[in-house]
Amino acid sequence: MSGKIGILSDTHGLLRDEVIRVLEGCDVILHGGDINRQEILDELEKIAPVYVVRGNNDKEWAERLPMFLDIEILGLHICMTHKKKDLPKDLESYDLVVCGHSHKYEQKQTGSTLLINPGSCGPRRFNQDITLAILTISEDSGLKVERIDIPHPQENVKKVSGGMSKVASVDMKKTVSRVMKEVERGKSVPEIASRLGLDEELAEQICRLYLTHPGVTADQILTKMGL
């Protein structure tokens, strides 16, 4: 059996145009969690069927999403969960294992089992790479993995029907500005995340950039985040 699988994780509410272009032509998309918005899945499903697990930052809206998947796709036995530490101890029966959470790309072959953590292609966290993976299945050559690195900074994100989505740059700028104001009021990262409906990792990143770069503007923070 042959086909192409797009593998991504930790979008954290941001779907980049570059990611959309990479995924076009895939037969299936696997998302390793920390999606943060239903709109992200809606857009991905316009490209191909999506299989997704729930991440630790996927709150009430994602209660229907499984924490673990054990599935057969394109002739592959696949295991998926968000955190690597939550994977089963015995992975020998799987052809492909997918996880996320760390925001760091990992690819490891153990016997006949291929493990992929595609990293994060959402908001850039500090100086980490923006990555995803494409897995091509061929009857002749078996499995071939391509790591995709998205250059940064990026200025455009995915437009959705009816105009720019909540993950658009204009809304991200408003979010950054609001976080900056909350910092000035002496609020903690958990308080800011709860008040503004953000995941704590994203709130912490914005706060740290603001506090460690005196005089920085919202636009400059967005640039440093690769948005």
N, C-alpha and C. Protein backbone atom coordinates (compact mmCIF):
# COMPACT_ATOMS: atom_id res chain seq x y z
N MET A 1 0.84 -1.19 0.00
CA MET A 1 0.00 0.00 0.00
C MET A 1 0.88 1.25 0.00
N SER A 2 0.44 2.29 -0.69
CA SER A 2 1.22 3.52 -0.75
C SER A 2 0.35 4.70 -0.33
N GLY A 3 0.99 5.79 0.04
CA GLY A 3 0.28 7.00 0.44
C GLY A 3 1.19 7.96 1.16
N LYS A 4 0.62 9.09 1.60
CA LYS A 4 1.40 10.12 2.27
C LYS A 4 0.65 10.60 3.51
N ILE A 5 1.37 10.64 4.63
CA ILE A 5 0.79 11.05 5.90
C ILE A 5 1.48 12.31 6.41
N GLY A 6 0.68 13.32 6.73
CA GLY A 6 1.22 14.52 7.35
C GLY A 6 1.16 14.36 8.86
N ILE A 7 2.26 14.67 9.54
CA ILE A 7 2.34 14.50 10.99
C ILE A 7 2.74 15.84 11.62
N LEU A 8 1.88 16.36 12.50
CA LEU A 8 2.17 17.62 13.17
C LEU A 8 1.67 17.57 14.60
N SER A 9 2.09 18.55 15.38
CA SER A 9 1.67 18.60 16.78
C SER A 9 1.86 20.01 17.31
N ASP A 10 1.24 20.27 18.46
CA ASP A 10 1.46 21.50 19.21
C ASP A 10 1.31 22.75 18.35
N THR A 11 0.15 22.84 17.68
CA THR A 11 -0.15 24.04 16.90
C THR A 11 -0.54 25.21 17.81
N HIS A 12 -1.04 24.92 19.00
CA HIS A 12 -1.36 25.96 19.99
C HIS A 12 -2.14 27.12 19.40
N GLY A 13 -3.14 26.78 18.58
CA GLY A 13 -4.03 27.81 18.06
C GLY A 13 -3.58 28.49 16.79
N LEU A 14 -2.43 28.11 16.25
CA LEU A 14 -1.89 28.78 15.06
C LEU A 14 -1.69 27.80 13.92
N LEU A 15 -2.32 28.08 12.77
CA LEU A 15 -2.14 27.25 11.58
C LEU A 15 -1.53 28.12 10.49
N ARG A 16 -0.28 27.88 10.18
CA ARG A 16 0.46 28.72 9.24
C ARG A 16 0.14 28.35 7.79
N ASP A 17 0.21 29.35 6.90
CA ASP A 17 0.02 29.09 5.47
C ASP A 17 1.04 28.07 4.98
N GLU A 18 2.27 28.16 5.47
CA GLU A 18 3.32 27.25 5.05
C GLU A 18 2.99 25.81 5.42
N VAL A 19 2.38 25.62 6.56
CA VAL A 19 1.99 24.27 7.01
C VAL A 19 0.88 23.73 6.11
N ILE A 20 -0.08 24.58 5.80
CA ILE A 20 -1.17 24.17 4.90
C ILE A 20 -0.61 23.70 3.57
N ARG A 21 0.34 24.45 3.03
CA ARG A 21 0.91 24.08 1.72
C ARG A 21 1.65 22.75 1.79
N VAL A 22 2.36 22.51 2.87
CA VAL A 22 3.09 21.26 3.03
C VAL A 22 2.13 20.07 3.10
N LEU A 23 1.00 20.26 3.77
CA LEU A 23 0.06 19.17 4.00
C LEU A 23 -0.82 18.87 2.79
N GLU A 24 -0.94 19.81 1.88
CA GLU A 24 -1.78 19.58 0.69
C GLU A 24 -1.26 18.37 -0.09
N GLY A 25 -2.14 17.48 -0.43
CA GLY A 25 -1.76 16.26 -1.14
C GLY A 25 -1.59 15.06 -0.23
N CYS A 26 -1.65 15.28 1.10
CA CYS A 26 -1.57 14.16 2.03
C CYS A 26 -2.88 13.36 2.01
N ASP A 27 -2.76 12.07 2.22
CA ASP A 27 -3.95 11.21 2.28
C ASP A 27 -4.56 11.22 3.68
N VAL A 28 -3.73 11.44 4.69
CA VAL A 28 -4.15 11.43 6.09
C VAL A 28 -3.29 12.43 6.85
N ILE A 29 -3.87 13.03 7.91
CA ILE A 29 -3.11 13.93 8.78
C ILE A 29 -3.21 13.41 10.21
N LEU A 30 -2.07 13.33 10.89
CA LEU A 30 -2.02 12.95 12.30
C LEU A 30 -1.60 14.16 13.12
N HIS A 31 -2.37 14.48 14.16
CA HIS A 31 -2.05 15.62 15.02
C HIS A 31 -1.81 15.11 16.44
N GLY A 32 -0.64 15.42 16.99
CA GLY A 32 -0.24 14.89 18.28
C GLY A 32 -0.70 15.67 19.49
N GLY A 33 -1.67 16.59 19.33
CA GLY A 33 -2.26 17.26 20.48
C GLY A 33 -1.76 18.66 20.74
N ASP A 34 -2.37 19.33 21.72
CA ASP A 34 -2.22 20.77 21.97
C ASP A 34 -2.61 21.54 20.72
N ILE A 35 -3.85 21.33 20.33
CA ILE A 35 -4.44 22.00 19.17
C ILE A 35 -4.89 23.39 19.58
N ASN A 36 -5.62 23.45 20.68
CA ASN A 36 -6.12 24.67 21.33
C ASN A 36 -7.39 25.27 20.74
N ARG A 37 -7.70 25.00 19.49
CA ARG A 37 -8.93 25.55 18.91
C ARG A 37 -9.53 24.53 17.94
N GLN A 38 -10.85 24.41 17.96
CA GLN A 38 -11.54 23.52 17.02
C GLN A 38 -11.31 23.96 15.58
N GLU A 39 -11.15 25.28 15.38
CA GLU A 39 -10.96 25.80 14.02
C GLU A 39 -9.74 25.18 13.34
N ILE A 40 -8.73 24.85 14.11
CA ILE A 40 -7.53 24.23 13.54
C ILE A 40 -7.89 22.89 12.90
N LEU A 41 -8.64 22.08 13.62
CA LEU A 41 -9.06 20.77 13.09
C LEU A 41 -9.99 20.93 11.90
N ASP A 42 -10.86 21.93 11.96
CA ASP A 42 -11.79 22.18 10.85
C ASP A 42 -11.02 22.47 9.56
N GLU A 43 -9.97 23.27 9.67
CA GLU A 43 -9.17 23.61 8.49
C GLU A 43 -8.37 22.42 7.99
N LEU A 44 -7.81 21.64 8.90
CA LEU A 44 -7.04 20.46 8.50
C LEU A 44 -7.92 19.43 7.81
N GLU A 45 -9.16 19.30 8.28
CA GLU A 45 -10.07 18.31 7.69
C GLU A 45 -10.50 18.67 6.28
N LYS A 46 -10.26 19.92 5.87
CA LYS A 46 -10.52 20.30 4.48
C LYS A 46 -9.45 19.72 3.55
N ILE A 47 -8.32 19.33 4.13
CA ILE A 47 -7.22 18.78 3.34
C ILE A 47 -7.30 17.27 3.25
N ALA A 48 -7.51 16.62 4.41
CA ALA A 48 -7.53 15.15 4.47
C ALA A 48 -8.15 14.72 5.80
N PRO A 49 -8.54 13.45 5.93
CA PRO A 49 -9.03 12.96 7.22
C PRO A 49 -7.99 13.17 8.31
N VAL A 50 -8.44 13.60 9.48
CA VAL A 50 -7.53 13.93 10.58
C VAL A 50 -7.75 12.97 11.75
N TYR A 51 -6.66 12.43 12.26
CA TYR A 51 -6.67 11.63 13.48
C TYR A 51 -5.89 12.41 14.52
N VAL A 52 -6.49 12.62 15.69
CA VAL A 52 -5.91 13.54 16.66
C VAL A 52 -6.06 13.00 18.08
N VAL A 53 -5.08 13.31 18.92
CA VAL A 53 -5.19 13.01 20.35
C VAL A 53 -5.21 14.33 21.12
N ARG A 54 -5.77 14.27 22.31
CA ARG A 54 -5.91 15.46 23.13
C ARG A 54 -4.61 15.77 23.87
N GLY A 55 -4.21 17.05 23.85
CA GLY A 55 -3.02 17.48 24.58
C GLY A 55 -3.36 18.05 25.93
N ASN A 56 -2.35 18.30 26.74
CA ASN A 56 -2.60 18.82 28.09
C ASN A 56 -3.15 20.24 28.10
N ASN A 57 -3.00 20.96 26.99
CA ASN A 57 -3.55 22.31 26.89
C ASN A 57 -4.89 22.36 26.17
N ASP A 58 -5.41 21.21 25.78
CA ASP A 58 -6.72 21.15 25.13
C ASP A 58 -7.78 20.97 26.21
N LYS A 59 -8.50 22.04 26.49
CA LYS A 59 -9.40 22.08 27.65
C LYS A 59 -10.80 21.59 27.30
N GLU A 60 -11.83 22.27 27.85
CA GLU A 60 -13.21 21.77 27.77
C GLU A 60 -13.67 21.49 26.35
N TRP A 61 -13.27 22.32 25.41
CA TRP A 61 -13.75 22.14 24.04
C TRP A 61 -13.32 20.79 23.45
N ALA A 62 -12.24 20.21 24.01
CA ALA A 62 -11.66 19.00 23.43
C ALA A 62 -11.97 17.74 24.22
N GLU A 63 -12.98 17.79 25.08
CA GLU A 63 -13.29 16.63 25.93
C GLU A 63 -13.62 15.38 25.12
N ARG A 64 -14.11 15.57 23.90
CA ARG A 64 -14.48 14.42 23.06
C ARG A 64 -13.25 13.74 22.44
N LEU A 65 -12.11 14.41 22.45
CA LEU A 65 -10.92 13.87 21.81
C LEU A 65 -10.26 12.82 22.69
N PRO A 66 -9.76 11.74 22.10
CA PRO A 66 -9.13 10.68 22.89
C PRO A 66 -7.73 11.08 23.36
N MET A 67 -7.32 10.52 24.48
CA MET A 67 -5.96 10.73 24.97
C MET A 67 -4.98 9.77 24.29
N PHE A 68 -5.52 8.70 23.71
CA PHE A 68 -4.69 7.65 23.12
C PHE A 68 -5.40 7.06 21.91
N LEU A 69 -4.66 6.79 20.86
CA LEU A 69 -5.22 6.14 19.68
C LEU A 69 -4.38 4.92 19.31
N ASP A 70 -5.06 3.85 18.96
CA ASP A 70 -4.44 2.62 18.45
C ASP A 70 -5.21 2.31 17.17
N ILE A 71 -4.61 2.64 16.01
CA ILE A 71 -5.35 2.62 14.75
C ILE A 71 -4.54 1.97 13.63
N GLU A 72 -5.26 1.55 12.59
CA GLU A 72 -4.66 1.03 11.36
C GLU A 72 -4.93 2.02 10.25
N ILE A 73 -3.87 2.54 9.62
CA ILE A 73 -4.00 3.50 8.52
C ILE A 73 -3.01 3.16 7.43
N LEU A 74 -3.50 3.06 6.21
CA LEU A 74 -2.64 2.79 5.05
C LEU A 74 -1.73 1.59 5.29
N GLY A 75 -2.27 0.58 5.96
CA GLY A 75 -1.51 -0.64 6.21
C GLY A 75 -0.56 -0.56 7.39
N LEU A 76 -0.55 0.55 8.13
CA LEU A 76 0.34 0.73 9.27
C LEU A 76 -0.43 0.61 10.58
N HIS A 77 0.16 -0.07 11.54
CA HIS A 77 -0.39 -0.12 12.90
C HIS A 77 0.21 1.07 13.65
N ILE A 78 -0.64 2.01 14.07
CA ILE A 78 -0.16 3.30 14.59
C ILE A 78 -0.63 3.52 16.03
N CYS A 79 0.28 4.01 16.85
CA CYS A 79 -0.02 4.39 18.23
C CYS A 79 0.21 5.90 18.36
N MET A 80 -0.74 6.61 19.00
CA MET A 80 -0.61 8.05 19.18
C MET A 80 -1.00 8.46 20.60
N THR A 81 -0.22 9.33 21.19
CA THR A 81 -0.59 10.02 22.43
C THR A 81 0.24 11.29 22.51
N HIS A 82 -0.17 12.23 23.36
CA HIS A 82 0.49 13.54 23.37
C HIS A 82 1.88 13.50 24.00
N LYS A 83 1.98 12.92 25.19
CA LYS A 83 3.24 12.90 25.92
C LYS A 83 3.95 11.56 25.75
N LYS A 84 5.21 11.63 25.43
CA LYS A 84 5.99 10.41 25.20
C LYS A 84 5.97 9.49 26.42
N LYS A 85 5.98 10.09 27.62
CA LYS A 85 6.01 9.29 28.84
C LYS A 85 4.75 8.45 29.03
N ASP A 86 3.68 8.80 28.30
CA ASP A 86 2.42 8.07 28.43
C ASP A 86 2.29 6.93 27.41
N LEU A 87 3.30 6.73 26.58
CA LEU A 87 3.26 5.64 25.61
C LEU A 87 3.36 4.29 26.31
N PRO A 88 2.78 3.25 25.72
CA PRO A 88 2.93 1.91 26.29
C PRO A 88 4.41 1.52 26.35
N LYS A 89 4.76 0.68 27.31
CA LYS A 89 6.16 0.25 27.43
C LYS A 89 6.58 -0.62 26.26
N ASP A 90 5.65 -1.44 25.79
CA ASP A 90 5.94 -2.35 24.68
C ASP A 90 5.36 -1.77 23.39
N LEU A 91 6.24 -1.34 22.49
CA LEU A 91 5.80 -0.73 21.24
C LEU A 91 6.12 -1.60 20.02
N GLU A 92 6.55 -2.83 20.26
CA GLU A 92 7.00 -3.70 19.17
C GLU A 92 5.92 -3.98 18.13
N SER A 93 4.66 -3.97 18.55
CA SER A 93 3.59 -4.32 17.61
C SER A 93 3.22 -3.17 16.67
N TYR A 94 3.78 -2.00 16.92
CA TYR A 94 3.42 -0.82 16.13
C TYR A 94 4.45 -0.55 15.02
N ASP A 95 3.95 -0.12 13.88
CA ASP A 95 4.83 0.34 12.80
C ASP A 95 5.22 1.79 13.01
N LEU A 96 4.27 2.58 13.53
CA LEU A 96 4.50 4.02 13.69
C LEU A 96 3.97 4.47 15.05
N VAL A 97 4.77 5.24 15.77
CA VAL A 97 4.38 5.82 17.05
C VAL A 97 4.54 7.33 16.94
N VAL A 98 3.48 8.07 17.31
CA VAL A 98 3.48 9.53 17.20
C VAL A 98 3.18 10.15 18.56
N CYS A 99 4.00 11.12 18.94
CA CYS A 99 3.76 11.89 20.16
C CYS A 99 4.14 13.34 19.91
N GLY A 100 3.97 14.18 20.93
CA GLY A 100 4.29 15.61 20.79
C GLY A 100 4.77 16.15 22.12
N HIS A 101 4.28 17.33 22.48
CA HIS A 101 4.45 17.96 23.80
C HIS A 101 5.79 18.68 23.98
N SER A 102 6.90 18.10 23.55
CA SER A 102 8.22 18.67 23.85
C SER A 102 8.57 19.86 22.97
N HIS A 103 7.87 20.01 21.83
CA HIS A 103 8.17 21.05 20.83
C HIS A 103 9.53 20.79 20.17
N LYS A 104 10.10 19.63 20.36
CA LYS A 104 11.40 19.29 19.78
C LYS A 104 11.24 18.08 18.85
N TYR A 105 11.73 18.22 17.62
CA TYR A 105 11.63 17.15 16.64
C TYR A 105 12.44 15.94 17.10
N GLU A 106 11.84 14.75 16.96
CA GLU A 106 12.54 13.50 17.27
C GLU A 106 12.11 12.43 16.29
N GLN A 107 13.07 11.68 15.80
CA GLN A 107 12.79 10.58 14.89
C GLN A 107 13.71 9.42 15.27
N LYS A 108 13.10 8.28 15.59
CA LYS A 108 13.89 7.16 16.08
C LYS A 108 13.32 5.85 15.58
N GLN A 109 14.20 5.02 15.04
CA GLN A 109 13.80 3.70 14.56
C GLN A 109 14.30 2.64 15.53
N THR A 110 13.38 1.84 16.09
CA THR A 110 13.75 0.74 16.97
C THR A 110 13.14 -0.53 16.41
N GLY A 111 13.98 -1.36 15.82
CA GLY A 111 13.47 -2.55 15.14
C GLY A 111 12.58 -2.14 13.99
N SER A 112 11.35 -2.62 13.99
CA SER A 112 10.41 -2.26 12.92
C SER A 112 9.50 -1.10 13.32
N THR A 113 9.76 -0.51 14.49
CA THR A 113 8.91 0.58 14.99
C THR A 113 9.57 1.93 14.78
N LEU A 114 8.86 2.83 14.12
CA LEU A 114 9.34 4.19 13.87
C LEU A 114 8.62 5.14 14.80
N LEU A 115 9.37 5.88 15.62
CA LEU A 115 8.79 6.90 16.51
C LEU A 115 9.07 8.29 15.93
N ILE A 116 8.00 9.09 15.86
CA ILE A 116 8.14 10.46 15.37
C ILE A 116 7.48 11.43 16.33
N ASN A 117 8.24 12.40 16.79
CA ASN A 117 7.69 13.59 17.43
C ASN A 117 7.95 14.71 16.44
N PRO A 118 6.90 15.26 15.79
CA PRO A 118 7.11 16.24 14.73
C PRO A 118 7.51 17.63 15.22
N GLY A 119 7.65 17.79 16.55
CA GLY A 119 7.95 19.12 17.09
C GLY A 119 6.70 19.99 17.06
N SER A 120 6.89 21.28 17.01
CA SER A 120 5.77 22.22 16.99
C SER A 120 5.83 23.09 15.74
N CYS A 121 4.67 23.26 15.11
CA CYS A 121 4.58 24.20 13.98
C CYS A 121 3.62 25.33 14.31
N GLY A 122 3.34 25.51 15.61
CA GLY A 122 2.51 26.61 16.08
C GLY A 122 3.37 27.82 16.42
N PRO A 123 2.96 28.63 17.40
CA PRO A 123 3.77 29.78 17.79
C PRO A 123 5.17 29.33 18.19
N ARG A 124 6.17 30.03 17.68
CA ARG A 124 7.55 29.65 17.98
C ARG A 124 7.85 29.91 19.45
N ARG A 125 8.41 28.91 20.14
CA ARG A 125 8.78 29.05 21.54
C ARG A 125 10.28 29.35 21.63
N PHE A 126 10.57 30.61 21.98
CA PHE A 126 11.95 31.06 22.13
C PHE A 126 12.72 30.79 20.83
N ASN A 127 13.83 30.07 20.88
CA ASN A 127 14.62 29.86 19.67
C ASN A 127 14.43 28.48 19.06
N GLN A 128 13.35 27.79 19.43
CA GLN A 128 13.14 26.44 18.92
C GLN A 128 12.69 26.45 17.46
N ASP A 129 12.99 25.36 16.76
CA ASP A 129 12.62 25.24 15.35
C ASP A 129 11.11 25.06 15.20
N ILE A 130 10.60 25.44 14.04
CA ILE A 130 9.20 25.25 13.67
C ILE A 130 9.17 24.08 12.69
N THR A 131 8.60 22.94 13.11
CA THR A 131 8.75 21.73 12.32
C THR A 131 7.48 20.90 12.25
N LEU A 132 7.43 20.05 11.24
CA LEU A 132 6.44 18.98 11.10
C LEU A 132 7.08 17.89 10.26
N ALA A 133 6.36 16.82 9.98
CA ALA A 133 6.94 15.71 9.24
C ALA A 133 5.97 15.20 8.19
N ILE A 134 6.53 14.69 7.10
CA ILE A 134 5.75 14.01 6.07
C ILE A 134 6.28 12.58 5.94
N LEU A 135 5.39 11.61 6.09
CA LEU A 135 5.75 10.21 5.96
C LEU A 135 5.18 9.67 4.65
N THR A 136 6.06 9.21 3.78
CA THR A 136 5.64 8.64 2.50
C THR A 136 5.77 7.12 2.55
N ILE A 137 4.70 6.45 2.17
CA ILE A 137 4.67 4.99 2.18
C ILE A 137 4.71 4.50 0.74
N SER A 138 5.68 3.66 0.44
CA SER A 138 5.84 3.14 -0.91
C SER A 138 6.02 1.64 -0.86
N GLU A 139 5.38 0.93 -1.77
CA GLU A 139 5.52 -0.52 -1.83
C GLU A 139 6.95 -0.92 -2.17
N ASP A 140 7.64 -0.07 -2.90
CA ASP A 140 9.01 -0.37 -3.33
C ASP A 140 10.04 -0.07 -2.25
N SER A 141 9.94 1.14 -1.63
CA SER A 141 10.97 1.59 -0.69
C SER A 141 10.53 1.65 0.76
N GLY A 142 9.30 1.24 1.05
CA GLY A 142 8.84 1.23 2.43
C GLY A 142 8.50 2.62 2.94
N LEU A 143 8.97 2.96 4.15
CA LEU A 143 8.66 4.24 4.77
C LEU A 143 9.79 5.24 4.59
N LYS A 144 9.42 6.45 4.20
CA LYS A 144 10.40 7.52 4.07
C LYS A 144 9.88 8.75 4.80
N VAL A 145 10.68 9.27 5.73
CA VAL A 145 10.27 10.42 6.53
C VAL A 145 11.03 11.66 6.08
N GLU A 146 10.29 12.75 5.91
CA GLU A 146 10.90 14.03 5.59
C GLU A 146 10.59 15.02 6.71
N ARG A 147 11.62 15.52 7.36
CA ARG A 147 11.42 16.59 8.34
C ARG A 147 11.26 17.90 7.58
N ILE A 148 10.21 18.65 7.92
CA ILE A 148 9.94 19.94 7.28
C ILE A 148 10.22 21.06 8.29
N ASP A 149 11.12 21.95 7.94
CA ASP A 149 11.41 23.11 8.78
C ASP A 149 10.79 24.35 8.15
N ILE A 150 10.00 25.08 8.94
CA ILE A 150 9.35 26.31 8.48
C ILE A 150 10.25 27.49 8.85
N PRO A 151 10.66 28.29 7.85
CA PRO A 151 11.49 29.46 8.17
C PRO A 151 10.72 30.45 9.05
N HIS A 152 11.44 31.25 9.78
CA HIS A 152 10.84 32.28 10.63
C HIS A 152 11.69 33.54 10.51
N PRO A 153 11.14 34.73 10.77
CA PRO A 153 9.77 34.98 11.19
C PRO A 153 8.79 34.85 10.03
N GLN A 154 7.53 34.58 10.37
CA GLN A 154 6.45 34.50 9.40
C GLN A 154 5.43 35.59 9.69
N GLU A 155 4.84 36.15 8.66
CA GLU A 155 3.91 37.24 8.87
C GLU A 155 2.46 36.86 8.62
N ASN A 156 2.25 35.73 7.92
CA ASN A 156 0.88 35.38 7.54
C ASN A 156 0.46 34.07 8.17
N VAL A 157 -0.81 33.96 8.53
CA VAL A 157 -1.38 32.72 9.01
C VAL A 157 -2.64 32.41 8.22
N LYS A 158 -3.19 31.24 8.45
CA LYS A 158 -4.29 30.75 7.64
C LYS A 158 -5.55 31.59 7.78
N LYS A 159 -6.14 31.99 6.63
CA LYS A 159 -7.43 32.66 6.63
C LYS A 159 -8.53 31.61 6.58
N VAL A 160 -9.60 31.86 7.31
CA VAL A 160 -10.73 30.94 7.28
C VAL A 160 -11.93 31.67 6.72
N SER A 161 -12.97 30.91 6.39
CA SER A 161 -14.15 31.51 5.80
C SER A 161 -14.72 32.59 6.70
N GLY A 162 -15.12 33.70 6.11
CA GLY A 162 -15.67 34.80 6.90
C GLY A 162 -14.60 35.76 7.37
N GLY A 163 -13.35 35.60 6.89
CA GLY A 163 -12.30 36.52 7.28
C GLY A 163 -11.22 35.82 8.07
N MET A 164 -10.41 36.61 8.75
CA MET A 164 -9.31 36.07 9.51
C MET A 164 -9.81 35.35 10.75
N SER A 165 -9.23 34.22 11.05
CA SER A 165 -9.63 33.46 12.23
C SER A 165 -9.04 34.06 13.50
N LYS A 166 -9.39 33.47 14.63
CA LYS A 166 -8.85 33.95 15.90
C LYS A 166 -7.35 33.76 15.99
N VAL A 167 -6.79 32.93 15.14
CA VAL A 167 -5.35 32.71 15.18
C VAL A 167 -4.62 33.67 14.25
N ALA A 168 -5.32 34.59 13.61
CA ALA A 168 -4.70 35.53 12.69
C ALA A 168 -3.82 36.50 13.43
N SER A 169 -2.88 37.09 12.67
CA SER A 169 -1.88 37.95 13.29
C SER A 169 -2.50 39.14 14.02
N VAL A 170 -3.59 39.71 13.50
CA VAL A 170 -4.20 40.85 14.16
C VAL A 170 -4.68 40.47 15.54
N ASP A 171 -5.25 39.26 15.70
CA ASP A 171 -5.73 38.82 16.99
C ASP A 171 -4.59 38.44 17.91
N MET A 172 -3.51 37.88 17.35
CA MET A 172 -2.35 37.56 18.15
C MET A 172 -1.73 38.84 18.70
N LYS A 173 -1.73 39.91 17.92
CA LYS A 173 -1.19 41.18 18.40
C LYS A 173 -2.02 41.70 19.56
N LYS A 174 -3.34 41.59 19.46
CA LYS A 174 -4.21 42.01 20.55
C LYS A 174 -3.95 41.18 21.80
N THR A 175 -3.75 39.87 21.59
CA THR A 175 -3.47 38.99 22.72
C THR A 175 -2.17 39.38 23.41
N VAL A 176 -1.13 39.61 22.61
CA VAL A 176 0.16 40.01 23.19
C VAL A 176 0.03 41.32 23.96
N SER A 177 -0.70 42.27 23.39
CA SER A 177 -0.89 43.56 24.06
C SER A 177 -1.62 43.39 25.39
N ARG A 178 -2.60 42.51 25.41
CA ARG A 178 -3.36 42.28 26.64
C ARG A 178 -2.47 41.60 27.70
N VAL A 179 -1.64 40.66 27.25
CA VAL A 179 -0.72 40.01 28.19
C VAL A 179 0.24 41.05 28.79
N MET A 180 0.75 41.94 27.96
CA MET A 180 1.66 42.98 28.44
C MET A 180 1.00 43.84 29.51
N LYS A 181 -0.27 44.17 29.32
CA LYS A 181 -0.99 44.99 30.30
C LYS A 181 -1.17 44.23 31.61
N GLU A 182 -1.46 42.93 31.50
CA GLU A 182 -1.64 42.13 32.71
C GLU A 182 -0.33 42.00 33.48
N VAL A 183 0.79 41.91 32.76
CA VAL A 183 2.10 41.86 33.41
C VAL A 183 2.34 43.15 34.20
N GLU A 184 1.99 44.28 33.58
CA GLU A 184 2.16 45.57 34.25
C GLU A 184 1.31 45.66 35.52
N ARG A 185 0.22 44.92 35.53
CA ARG A 185 -0.65 44.92 36.71
C ARG A 185 -0.16 43.94 37.78
N GLY A 186 0.95 43.26 37.50
CA GLY A 186 1.53 42.36 38.48
C GLY A 186 0.92 40.99 38.52
N LYS A 187 0.17 40.60 37.47
CA LYS A 187 -0.47 39.29 37.44
C LYS A 187 0.55 38.19 37.13
N SER A 188 0.32 37.01 37.68
CA SER A 188 1.19 35.86 37.41
C SER A 188 0.83 35.21 36.09
N VAL A 189 1.70 34.34 35.61
CA VAL A 189 1.44 33.63 34.36
C VAL A 189 0.15 32.80 34.44
N PRO A 190 -0.07 32.00 35.50
CA PRO A 190 -1.33 31.24 35.58
C PRO A 190 -2.56 32.16 35.58
N GLU A 191 -2.47 33.30 36.28
CA GLU A 191 -3.59 34.23 36.31
C GLU A 191 -3.86 34.81 34.93
N ILE A 192 -2.79 35.17 34.22
CA ILE A 192 -2.94 35.74 32.88
C ILE A 192 -3.53 34.71 31.92
N ALA A 193 -3.01 33.48 31.99
CA ALA A 193 -3.51 32.43 31.10
C ALA A 193 -4.98 32.17 31.34
N SER A 194 -5.38 32.11 32.61
CA SER A 194 -6.78 31.86 32.94
C SER A 194 -7.67 33.02 32.51
N ARG A 195 -7.23 34.23 32.76
CA ARG A 195 -8.04 35.42 32.46
C ARG A 195 -8.25 35.60 30.96
N LEU A 196 -7.20 35.31 30.17
CA LEU A 196 -7.27 35.55 28.73
C LEU A 196 -7.59 34.30 27.92
N GLY A 197 -7.74 33.15 28.59
CA GLY A 197 -8.06 31.92 27.88
C GLY A 197 -6.91 31.39 27.06
N LEU A 198 -5.67 31.55 27.55
CA LEU A 198 -4.48 31.07 26.85
C LEU A 198 -3.94 29.83 27.54
N ASP A 199 -3.15 29.03 26.82
CA ASP A 199 -2.44 27.99 27.52
C ASP A 199 -1.23 28.63 28.19
N GLU A 200 -0.80 28.03 29.29
CA GLU A 200 0.24 28.66 30.12
C GLU A 200 1.58 28.77 29.40
N GLU A 201 1.88 27.82 28.50
CA GLU A 201 3.15 27.88 27.78
C GLU A 201 3.23 29.13 26.92
N LEU A 202 2.13 29.43 26.22
CA LEU A 202 2.11 30.61 25.37
C LEU A 202 2.16 31.88 26.21
N ALA A 203 1.39 31.92 27.31
CA ALA A 203 1.39 33.08 28.19
C ALA A 203 2.78 33.31 28.78
N GLU A 204 3.43 32.22 29.18
CA GLU A 204 4.76 32.33 29.77
C GLU A 204 5.76 32.87 28.76
N GLN A 205 5.65 32.42 27.50
CA GLN A 205 6.58 32.88 26.48
C GLN A 205 6.44 34.38 26.25
N ILE A 206 5.21 34.86 26.14
CA ILE A 206 4.99 36.29 25.92
C ILE A 206 5.50 37.10 27.12
N CYS A 207 5.17 36.63 28.32
CA CYS A 207 5.61 37.34 29.53
C CYS A 207 7.14 37.43 29.59
N ARG A 208 7.80 36.31 29.30
CA ARG A 208 9.26 36.30 29.39
C ARG A 208 9.89 37.24 28.36
N LEU A 209 9.38 37.23 27.16
CA LEU A 209 9.90 38.13 26.13
C LEU A 209 9.69 39.59 26.52
N TYR A 210 8.55 39.88 27.11
CA TYR A 210 8.25 41.25 27.52
C TYR A 210 9.16 41.70 28.66
N LEU A 211 9.37 40.81 29.63
CA LEU A 211 10.15 41.17 30.81
C LEU A 211 11.65 41.22 30.55
N THR A 212 12.11 40.43 29.59
CA THR A 212 13.56 40.37 29.32
C THR A 212 14.01 41.30 28.20
N HIS A 213 13.06 42.00 27.58
CA HIS A 213 13.40 42.96 26.52
C HIS A 213 12.72 44.30 26.82
N PRO A 214 13.31 45.10 27.71
CA PRO A 214 12.70 46.38 28.09
C PRO A 214 12.39 47.25 26.87
N GLY A 215 11.16 47.79 26.84
CA GLY A 215 10.76 48.66 25.75
C GLY A 215 10.27 47.94 24.51
N VAL A 216 10.21 46.60 24.55
CA VAL A 216 9.77 45.84 23.38
C VAL A 216 8.30 46.12 23.10
N THR A 217 7.93 46.13 21.83
CA THR A 217 6.54 46.34 21.43
C THR A 217 5.86 45.02 21.15
N ALA A 218 4.53 45.04 21.01
CA ALA A 218 3.79 43.83 20.68
C ALA A 218 4.24 43.27 19.33
N ASP A 219 4.46 44.15 18.35
CA ASP A 219 4.93 43.70 17.03
C ASP A 219 6.29 43.00 17.13
N GLN A 220 7.19 43.55 17.96
CA GLN A 220 8.51 42.95 18.11
C GLN A 220 8.43 41.59 18.80
N ILE A 221 7.50 41.46 19.76
CA ILE A 221 7.32 40.15 20.42
C ILE A 221 6.81 39.14 19.40
N LEU A 222 5.87 39.53 18.55
CA LEU A 222 5.35 38.64 17.53
C LEU A 222 6.48 38.18 16.59
N THR A 223 7.37 39.09 16.23
CA THR A 223 8.49 38.75 15.36
C THR A 223 9.41 37.74 16.04
N LYS A 224 9.71 37.96 17.32
CA LYS A 224 10.57 37.04 18.05
C LYS A 224 9.93 35.66 18.18
N MET A 225 8.60 35.62 18.18
CA MET A 225 7.88 34.35 18.27
C MET A 225 7.73 33.68 16.92
N GLY A 226 8.18 34.34 15.87
CA GLY A 226 8.08 33.77 14.53
C GLY A 226 6.71 33.90 13.92
N LEU A 227 5.94 34.93 14.34
CA LEU A 227 4.58 35.13 13.82
C LEU A 227 4.55 36.31 12.87
